[in-house]
């Protein structure tokens, strides 16, 4: 089992699918990474050599990609900025309601309920 950025990649999966378990990497990004390193995307994780795993780890730990904690921190800072400037979107985030203009009269019962619980606290 390969361990990259503190995440265990499952041995049974193909490499390009297993890389998507890292927060911030989708299928297209994983395919670009594997093409850049000249690794076949269709081989399984347990068939990777130690050289391939170390090159993957080195590339992902470089500052070329924002992954895991850095990406989550950046998203939270963006939401915190919207709340601090008291924008409409920030107030919707604060109440736990839909932010992007979705209808709330008949849909979004779960988010309305969660928003009620959040604002109550």
Protein backbone atom coordinates (compact mmCIF):
# COMPACT_ATOMS: atom_id res chain seq x y z
CA UNK A 1 0.00 0.00 0.00
CA UNK A 2 1.51 3.30 -1.11
CA UNK A 3 1.32 6.21 1.33
CA UNK A 4 1.36 9.69 -0.21
CA UNK A 5 0.65 12.90 1.74
CA UNK A 6 -0.56 10.86 4.70
CA UNK A 7 -3.16 8.98 2.64
CA UNK A 8 -3.01 5.27 1.89
CA UNK A 9 -3.67 4.47 -1.75
CA UNK A 10 -5.54 1.20 -2.16
CA UNK A 11 -3.55 -1.57 -3.88
CA UNK A 12 -6.46 -2.94 -5.91
CA UNK A 13 -7.27 0.30 -7.73
CA UNK A 14 -5.68 1.71 -10.85
CA UNK A 15 -3.24 4.52 -10.18
CA UNK A 16 -5.26 7.29 -11.79
CA UNK A 17 -8.32 6.38 -9.70
CA UNK A 18 -6.36 5.89 -6.49
CA UNK A 19 -4.84 9.38 -6.75
CA UNK A 20 -8.34 10.89 -6.61
CA UNK A 21 -8.57 9.87 -2.94
CA UNK A 22 -6.22 12.80 -2.25
CA UNK A 23 -8.25 15.96 -1.59
CA UNK A 24 -7.76 18.37 -4.48
CA UNK A 25 -6.94 15.81 -7.18
CA UNK A 26 -9.56 14.72 -9.69
CA UNK A 27 -9.31 12.33 -12.61
CA UNK A 28 -8.04 14.91 -15.12
CA UNK A 29 -5.37 16.19 -12.72
CA UNK A 30 -4.25 12.66 -11.88
CA UNK A 31 -3.95 11.81 -15.58
CA UNK A 32 -1.86 14.96 -16.16
CA UNK A 33 0.42 14.05 -13.24
CA UNK A 34 0.91 10.50 -14.51
CA UNK A 35 1.61 11.69 -18.06
CA UNK A 36 4.15 14.15 -16.71
CA UNK A 37 5.94 11.33 -14.84
CA UNK A 38 5.60 8.82 -17.72
CA UNK A 39 3.65 6.35 -15.58
CA UNK A 40 0.98 4.17 -17.16
CA UNK A 41 -2.36 5.19 -15.59
CA UNK A 42 -3.89 1.75 -16.01
CA UNK A 43 -1.49 -0.21 -13.80
CA UNK A 44 -2.52 -1.06 -10.25
CA UNK A 45 -1.01 0.68 -7.23
CA UNK A 46 0.69 -2.48 -5.97
CA UNK A 47 2.50 -2.81 -9.33
CA UNK A 48 4.18 0.59 -8.96
CA UNK A 49 7.91 0.51 -8.36
CA UNK A 50 9.50 2.34 -5.44
CA UNK A 51 11.03 4.80 -7.89
CA UNK A 52 7.57 5.65 -9.30
CA UNK A 53 6.09 6.09 -5.83
CA UNK A 54 8.93 8.35 -4.72
CA UNK A 55 8.66 10.47 -7.87
CA UNK A 56 4.89 10.80 -7.35
CA UNK A 57 5.44 11.79 -3.72
CA UNK A 58 8.09 14.36 -4.66
CA UNK A 59 5.89 15.94 -7.33
CA UNK A 60 2.82 16.15 -5.08
CA UNK A 61 4.78 17.53 -2.12
CA UNK A 62 6.22 20.31 -4.26
CA UNK A 63 4.44 23.66 -4.21
CA UNK A 64 3.03 23.10 -7.71
CA UNK A 65 -0.29 21.79 -6.34
CA UNK A 66 -2.50 22.96 -3.50
CA UNK A 67 -3.70 19.80 -1.81
CA UNK A 68 -5.22 18.55 1.44
CA UNK A 69 -4.71 20.95 4.35
CA UNK A 70 -3.56 23.96 2.32
CA UNK A 71 -6.58 23.75 0.02
CA UNK A 72 -9.05 23.29 2.90
CA UNK A 73 -7.44 26.20 4.75
CA UNK A 74 -7.72 28.43 1.67
CA UNK A 75 -11.43 27.56 1.22
CA UNK A 76 -12.16 28.30 4.88
CA UNK A 77 -10.31 31.62 4.64
CA UNK A 78 -12.39 32.60 1.59
CA UNK A 79 -15.63 31.79 3.45
CA UNK A 80 -14.36 33.64 6.55
CA UNK A 81 -13.59 36.70 4.38
CA UNK A 82 -17.16 36.70 3.01
CA UNK A 83 -18.53 36.50 6.54
CA UNK A 84 -16.24 39.29 7.79
CA UNK A 85 -17.25 41.75 5.08
CA UNK A 86 -20.90 40.89 5.81
CA UNK A 87 -21.75 40.07 2.21
CA UNK A 88 -24.96 38.29 1.22
CA UNK A 89 -23.08 35.09 0.52
CA UNK A 90 -21.30 35.34 3.86
CA UNK A 91 -24.58 35.70 5.72
CA UNK A 92 -25.98 32.66 3.87
CA UNK A 93 -22.89 30.66 4.87
CA UNK A 94 -23.31 31.79 8.45
CA UNK A 95 -26.96 30.71 8.56
CA UNK A 96 -26.22 27.43 6.77
CA UNK A 97 -28.55 28.18 3.89
CA UNK A 98 -27.87 27.61 0.17
CA UNK A 99 -25.42 30.20 -1.10
CA UNK A 100 -25.73 30.04 -4.88
CA UNK A 101 -29.31 31.12 -5.46
CA UNK A 102 -31.09 27.79 -5.10
CA UNK A 103 -34.79 27.74 -4.35
CA UNK A 104 -35.59 27.27 -0.66
CA UNK A 105 -39.36 27.45 -0.56
CA UNK A 106 -39.94 23.82 -1.53
CA UNK A 107 -36.43 22.35 -1.74
CA UNK A 108 -33.39 22.34 0.55
CA UNK A 109 -35.21 21.06 3.62
CA UNK A 110 -32.03 19.57 5.03
CA UNK A 111 -29.97 22.72 4.70
CA UNK A 112 -32.79 24.82 6.13
CA UNK A 113 -33.02 22.50 9.12
CA UNK A 114 -29.25 22.54 9.59
CA UNK A 115 -29.24 26.33 9.20
CA UNK A 116 -31.85 26.60 11.93
CA UNK A 117 -29.73 24.46 14.23
CA UNK A 118 -26.59 26.43 13.44
CA UNK A 119 -28.23 29.83 14.02
CA UNK A 120 -29.82 28.59 17.24
CA UNK A 121 -26.41 27.82 18.75
